[in-house]
C-alpha atoms as a PDB file:
ATOM      1  CA  MET A   1       0.000   0.000   0.000  1.00  0.00           C
ATOM      2  CA  GLY A   2       1.424   3.293  -1.028  1.00  0.00           C
ATOM      3  CA  ILE A   3       0.753   6.686   0.465  1.00  0.00           C
ATOM      4  CA  ASN A   4      -1.618   8.737  -1.562  1.00  0.00           C
ATOM      5  CA  THR A   5      -0.246  12.316  -1.612  1.00  0.00           C
ATOM      6  CA  ASP A   6      -3.311  13.722  -3.352  1.00  0.00           C
ATOM      7  CA  HIS A   7      -5.161  13.976  -0.038  1.00  0.00           C
ATOM      8  CA  MET A   8      -2.388  15.645   1.973  1.00  0.00           C
ATOM      9  CA  PRO A   9      -3.276  19.342   2.266  1.00  0.00           C
ATOM     10  CA  TYR A  10       0.256  20.671   2.819  1.00  0.00           C
ATOM     11  CA  ARG A  11       1.409  19.382  -0.541  1.00  0.00           C
ATOM     12  CA  HIS A  12      -1.159  21.400  -2.458  1.00  0.00           C
ATOM     13  CA  GLN A  13      -0.849  24.731  -0.593  1.00  0.00           C
ATOM     14  CA  LYS A  14       0.815  27.580  -2.397  1.00  0.00           C
ATOM     15  CA  GLY A  15       2.578  30.356  -0.474  1.00  0.00           C
ATOM     16  CA  PHE A  16       5.879  31.481   0.947  1.00  0.00           C
ATOM     17  CA  SER A  17       8.139  29.601   3.271  1.00  0.00           C
ATOM     18  CA  LEU A  18       9.196  31.097   6.585  1.00  0.00           C
ATOM     19  CA  LEU A  19      12.692  31.663   5.229  1.00  0.00           C
ATOM     20  CA  GLU A  20      11.366  33.643   2.258  1.00  0.00           C
ATOM     21  CA  ILE A  21       9.229  35.816   4.544  1.00  0.00           C
ATOM     22  CA  LEU A  22      12.211  36.509   6.827  1.00  0.00           C
ATOM     23  CA  VAL A  23      14.359  37.565   3.875  1.00  0.00           C
ATOM     24  CA  VAL A  24      11.667  40.001   2.697  1.00  0.00           C
ATOM     25  CA  VAL A  25      11.298  41.468   6.218  1.00  0.00           C
ATOM     26  CA  VAL A  26      15.076  41.997   6.468  1.00  0.00           C
ATOM     27  CA  ILE A  27      15.179  43.697   3.064  1.00  0.00           C
ATOM     28  CA  ILE A  28      12.268  45.987   4.008  1.00  0.00           C
ATOM     29  CA  GLY A  29      13.996  46.837   7.299  1.00  0.00           C
ATOM     30  CA  ILE A  30      17.201  47.784   5.494  1.00  0.00           C
ATOM     31  CA  MET A  31      15.288  49.958   3.021  1.00  0.00           C
ATOM     32  CA  VAL A  32      13.387  51.739   5.808  1.00  0.00           C
ATOM     33  CA  SER A  33      16.643  52.390   7.667  1.00  0.00           C
ATOM     34  CA  ILE A  34      18.272  53.894   4.583  1.00  0.00           C
ATOM     35  CA  ALA A  35      15.209  56.045   3.904  1.00  0.00           C
ATOM     36  CA  ALA A  36      15.132  57.271   7.521  1.00  0.00           C
ATOM     37  CA  ILE A  37      18.791  58.262   7.385  1.00  0.00           C
ATOM     38  CA  ASN A  38      18.284  60.178   4.141  1.00  0.00           C
ATOM     39  CA  ILE A  39      15.058  61.874   5.209  1.00  0.00           C
ATOM     40  CA  ASN A  40      16.043  62.808   8.772  1.00  0.00           C
ATOM     41  CA  THR A  41      18.938  65.108   7.909  1.00  0.00           C
ATOM     42  CA  ALA A  42      17.325  68.134   9.560  1.00  0.00           C
ATOM     43  CA  ASP A  43      19.677  70.049  11.827  1.00  0.00           C
ATOM     44  CA  THR A  44      18.151  70.059  15.315  1.00  0.00           C
ATOM     45  CA  ARG A  45      20.917  72.158  16.882  1.00  0.00           C
ATOM     46  CA  PRO A  46      19.091  75.484  16.365  1.00  0.00           C
ATOM     47  CA  GLU A  47      16.010  74.063  18.089  1.00  0.00           C
ATOM     48  CA  LYS A  48      18.024  72.675  20.994  1.00  0.00           C
ATOM     49  CA  ASN A  49      19.789  76.020  21.446  1.00  0.00           C
ATOM     50  CA  ALA A  50      16.422  77.822  21.446  1.00  0.00           C
ATOM     51  CA  GLN A  51      15.138  75.398  24.082  1.00  0.00           C
ATOM     52  CA  ARG A  52      18.268  75.917  26.203  1.00  0.00           C
ATOM     53  CA  LEU A  53      17.913  79.718  26.091  1.00  0.00           C
ATOM     54  CA  SER A  54      14.199  79.444  26.891  1.00  0.00           C
ATOM     55  CA  ALA A  55      15.018  77.448  30.021  1.00  0.00           C
ATOM     56  CA  LEU A  56      17.765  79.902  31.001  1.00  0.00           C
ATOM     57  CA  VAL A  57      15.420  82.892  30.611  1.00  0.00           C
ATOM     58  CA  GLU A  58      12.878  81.167  32.849  1.00  0.00           C
ATOM     59  CA  LEU A  59      15.580  80.417  35.425  1.00  0.00           C
ATOM     60  CA  ALA A  60      16.910  83.986  35.274  1.00  0.00           C
ATOM     61  CA  ALA A  61      13.387  85.386  35.789  1.00  0.00           C
ATOM     62  CA  ASP A  62      12.936  83.137  38.825  1.00  0.00           C
ATOM     63  CA  GLU A  63      16.345  84.127  40.220  1.00  0.00           C
ATOM     64  CA  ALA A  64      15.616  87.838  39.701  1.00  0.00           C
ATOM     65  CA  MET A  65      12.316  87.599  41.591  1.00  0.00           C
ATOM     66  CA  ILE A  66      13.667  85.416  44.408  1.00  0.00           C
ATOM     67  CA  HIS A  67      16.733  87.595  45.049  1.00  0.00           C
ATOM     68  CA  GLY A  68      15.075  90.921  44.189  1.00  0.00           C
ATOM     69  CA  GLN A  69      17.868  91.662  41.761  1.00  0.00           C
ATOM     70  CA  GLU A  70      17.704  92.989  38.197  1.00  0.00           C
ATOM     71  CA  MET A  71      19.261  90.778  35.530  1.00  0.00           C
ATOM     72  CA  GLY A  72      20.122  91.399  31.906  1.00  0.00           C
ATOM     73  CA  LEU A  73      20.763  89.452  28.723  1.00  0.00           C
ATOM     74  CA  ARG A  74      23.012  90.517  25.840  1.00  0.00           C
ATOM     75  CA  PHE A  75      23.292  88.852  22.455  1.00  0.00           C
ATOM     76  CA  TYR A  76      26.136  88.691  19.970  1.00  0.00           C
ATOM     77  CA  ARG A  77      26.150  87.109  16.518  1.00  0.00           C
ATOM     78  CA  ALA A  78      27.028  83.650  17.830  1.00  0.00           C
ATOM     79  CA  SER A  79      26.787  83.902  21.625  1.00  0.00           C
ATOM     80  CA  TYR A  80      24.859  85.407  24.518  1.00  0.00           C
ATOM     81  CA  GLU A  81      25.496  86.222  28.161  1.00  0.00           C
ATOM     82  CA  PHE A  82      23.646  87.191  31.297  1.00  0.00           C
ATOM     83  CA  SER A  83      24.523  90.026  33.643  1.00  0.00           C
ATOM     84  CA  VAL A  84      23.330  91.386  36.960  1.00  0.00           C
ATOM     85  CA  LEU A  85      22.933  94.994  38.097  1.00  0.00           C
ATOM     86  CA  ASP A  86      25.259  95.904  40.942  1.00  0.00           C
ATOM     87  CA  PRO A  87      23.045  98.346  42.899  1.00  0.00           C
ATOM     88  CA  GLY A  88      25.956  99.750  44.891  1.00  0.00           C
ATOM     89  CA  GLN A  89      27.924 100.847  41.832  1.00  0.00           C
ATOM     90  CA  GLY A  90      25.004 101.119  39.403  1.00  0.00           C
ATOM     91  CA  ILE A  91      26.783  99.084  36.727  1.00  0.00           C
ATOM     92  CA  TRP A  92      25.986  95.823  34.961  1.00  0.00           C
ATOM     93  CA  VAL A  93      28.317  92.977  35.854  1.00  0.00           C
ATOM     94  CA  ARG A  94      28.691  89.958  33.592  1.00  0.00           C
ATOM     95  CA  MET A  95      28.021  86.631  35.289  1.00  0.00           C
ATOM     96  CA  ASP A  96      31.216  84.954  34.032  1.00  0.00           C
ATOM     97  CA  ASP A  97      31.739  82.976  37.242  1.00  0.00           C
ATOM     98  CA  ASP A  98      28.234  81.500  37.241  1.00  0.00           C
ATOM     99  CA  ASP A  99      28.071  78.138  35.441  1.00  0.00           C
ATOM    100  CA  MET A 100      24.418  78.625  34.545  1.00  0.00           C
ATOM    101  CA  PHE A 101      24.498  82.225  33.288  1.00  0.00           C
ATOM    102  CA  ARG A 102      28.015  82.471  31.841  1.00  0.00           C
ATOM    103  CA  LEU A 103      28.814  83.473  28.257  1.00  0.00           C
ATOM    104  CA  ARG A 104      27.423  80.782  25.976  1.00  0.00           C
ATOM    105  CA  GLY A 105      28.834  80.437  22.507  1.00  0.00           C
ATOM    106  CA  LEU A 106      27.106  78.603  19.682  1.00  0.00           C
ATOM    107  CA  GLU A 107      28.709  76.065  17.382  1.00  0.00           C
ATOM    108  CA  ASN A 108      30.796  77.554  14.557  1.00  0.00           C
ATOM    109  CA  ASP A 109      28.087  77.326  11.896  1.00  0.00           C
ATOM    110  CA  LEU A 110      25.166  78.693  13.956  1.00  0.00           C
ATOM    111  CA  ALA A 111      24.062  82.318  14.245  1.00  0.00           C
ATOM    112  CA  LEU A 112      21.520  84.481  16.083  1.00  0.00           C
ATOM    113  CA  ASP A 113      19.084  87.144  14.901  1.00  0.00           C
ATOM    114  CA  LEU A 114      17.583  89.412  17.575  1.00  0.00           C
ATOM    115  CA  PHE A 115      14.329  91.361  17.265  1.00  0.00           C
ATOM    116  CA  ILE A 116      13.159  93.870  19.873  1.00  0.00           C
ATOM    117  CA  GLU A 117       9.841  95.661  19.276  1.00  0.00           C
ATOM    118  CA  ASP A 118       9.701  94.080  15.793  1.00  0.00           C
ATOM    119  CA  ARG A 119      13.008  95.711  14.818  1.00  0.00           C
ATOM    120  CA  GLU A 120      16.023  93.619  13.951  1.00  0.00           C
ATOM    121  CA  ILE A 121      19.022  94.475  16.104  1.00  0.00           C
ATOM    122  CA  VAL A 122      22.394  94.347  14.378  1.00  0.00           C
ATOM    123  CA  LEU A 123      24.530  92.071  16.517  1.00  0.00           C
ATOM    124  CA  ALA A 124      28.266  92.449  16.962  1.00  0.00           C
ATOM    125  CA  ASP A 125      30.507  89.460  16.371  1.00  0.00           C
ATOM    126  CA  SER A 126      31.703  89.640  19.977  1.00  0.00           C
ATOM    127  CA  ASP A 127      32.024  92.110  22.814  1.00  0.00           C
ATOM    128  CA  LEU A 128      35.251  94.017  22.203  1.00  0.00           C
ATOM    129  CA  ARG A 129      34.843  95.879  25.506  1.00  0.00           C
ATOM    130  CA  ARG A 130      35.625  92.682  27.397  1.00  0.00           C
ATOM    131  CA  THR A 131      39.297  93.476  26.915  1.00  0.00           C
ATOM    132  CA  ASP A 132      39.114  97.284  26.716  1.00  0.00           C
ATOM    133  CA  GLY A 133      37.931  97.764  30.302  1.00  0.00           C
ATOM    134  CA  ASP A 134      35.038  99.964  29.157  1.00  0.00           C
ATOM    135  CA  ASP A 135      32.366 100.139  31.875  1.00  0.00           C
ATOM    136  CA  THR A 136      29.543 101.151  29.524  1.00  0.00           C
ATOM    137  CA  TYR A 137      28.289  97.581  29.216  1.00  0.00           C
ATOM    138  CA  GLU A 138      24.506  97.482  28.961  1.00  0.00           C
ATOM    139  CA  PRO A 139      22.230  94.468  28.349  1.00  0.00           C
ATOM    140  CA  GLN A 140      19.753  94.470  25.467  1.00  0.00           C
ATOM    141  CA  ILE A 141      17.126  92.534  27.430  1.00  0.00           C
ATOM    142  CA  TYR A 142      16.121  93.365  31.005  1.00  0.00           C
ATOM    143  CA  ILE A 143      14.842  90.673  33.356  1.00  0.00           C
ATOM    144  CA  LEU A 144      13.357  92.579  36.242  1.00  0.00           C
ATOM    145  CA  SER A 145      12.746  91.475  39.816  1.00  0.00           C
ATOM    146  CA  SER A 146       9.075  92.406  39.308  1.00  0.00           C
ATOM    147  CA  GLY A 147       8.752  89.493  36.867  1.00  0.00           C
ATOM    148  CA  GLU A 148       8.716  91.627  33.737  1.00  0.00           C
ATOM    149  CA  ILE A 149      11.032  90.950  30.817  1.00  0.00           C
ATOM    150  CA  THR A 150      11.841  93.069  27.787  1.00  0.00           C
ATOM    151  CA  PRO A 151       9.791  91.337  25.075  1.00  0.00           C
ATOM    152  CA  PHE A 152      12.030  89.950  22.346  1.00  0.00           C
ATOM    153  CA  ASN A 153      12.379  87.360  19.606  1.00  0.00           C
ATOM    154  CA  VAL A 154      15.620  85.573  18.859  1.00  0.00           C
ATOM    155  CA  ARG A 155      16.162  83.232  15.918  1.00  0.00           C
ATOM    156  CA  PHE A 156      18.681  80.426  16.093  1.00  0.00           C
ATOM    157  CA  ARG A 157      19.722  79.398  12.576  1.00  0.00           C
ATOM    158  CA  SER A 158      22.517  77.840  10.601  1.00  0.00           C
ATOM    159  CA  ASP A 159      24.883  80.282   8.900  1.00  0.00           C
ATOM    160  CA  PHE A 160      23.761  81.298   5.424  1.00  0.00           C
ATOM    161  CA  GLU A 161      20.203  80.144   6.190  1.00  0.00           C
ATOM    162  CA  THR A 162      17.237  82.418   6.750  1.00  0.00           C
ATOM    163  CA  ASP A 163      15.040  79.862   8.496  1.00  0.00           C
ATOM    164  CA  GLY A 164      15.598  78.541  11.968  1.00  0.00           C
ATOM    165  CA  TYR A 165      13.865  78.317  15.328  1.00  0.00           C
ATOM    166  CA  LEU A 166      12.387  81.464  16.792  1.00  0.00           C
ATOM    167  CA  LEU A 167      12.167  81.907  20.559  1.00  0.00           C
ATOM    168  CA  SER A 168       9.567  84.549  21.434  1.00  0.00           C
ATOM    169  CA  VAL A 169       9.484  85.950  24.963  1.00  0.00           C
ATOM    170  CA  SER A 170       6.637  88.215  26.076  1.00  0.00           C
ATOM    171  CA  VAL A 171       6.672  90.876  28.789  1.00  0.00           C
ATOM    172  CA  ASP A 172       5.238  88.428  31.350  1.00  0.00           C
ATOM    173  CA  GLY A 173       7.933  85.841  30.563  1.00  0.00           C
ATOM    174  CA  THR A 174       5.777  83.532  28.426  1.00  0.00           C
ATOM    175  CA  ARG A 175       8.036  81.723  25.984  1.00  0.00           C
ATOM    176  CA  THR A 176       7.217  79.976  22.704  1.00  0.00           C
ATOM    177  CA  ILE A 177       9.460  78.288  20.172  1.00  0.00           C
ATOM    178  CA  THR A 178       8.380  78.019  16.546  1.00  0.00           C
ATOM    179  CA  SER A 179      10.026  76.872  13.347  1.00  0.00           C
ATOM    180  CA  ASP A 180      10.402  79.543  10.655  1.00  0.00           C
ATOM    181  CA  ALA A 181      10.290  76.861   7.965  1.00  0.00           C
ATOM    182  CA  SER A 182       6.619  76.135   8.740  1.00  0.00           C
ATOM    183  CA  SER A 183       5.633  79.764   8.064  1.00  0.00           C
ATOM    184  CA  ASP A 184       6.993  79.600   4.500  1.00  0.00           C
ATOM    185  CA  ASP A 185       4.345  77.098   3.460  1.00  0.00           C
ATOM    186  CA  SER A 186       1.490  79.617   3.654  1.00  0.00           C
END
């Protein structure tokens, strides 16, 4: 008696073997990985720098209110720094010794654009008075002990780009970060 293979269901099924399915899944995974690498080339450094400054402004506002001391913020083309008003001498003192509020430089290919009262402020490359001993240092943004802040917008962008991430700070300290690239679509 021989085995009749006509009645065995697995012999007549058509489909893919487990090995063939695994090969296809691996190929799809490789293709998705390559596509993700090519698509996700967006530079997130401007956004991260905007988020860092937003957190520092919030911290400075809290510090100013807690200590009853006026603070300031000054921007340069590729850096920014905080200062504090010395009430005894009536001058602004840079906070170079403070790890949180010290001069913060951006990476070589990033730049800042500052807007106060909807006017763009021309930023210097750096503060030349740091070495001159000139005591006329004045912040561009005031962070007052009353909780008020000079309203401003600052854009973090890559050099030679016009779009970036815009940090907007209102007089009450409310902060928002938006992408300039999204506004070009309208």
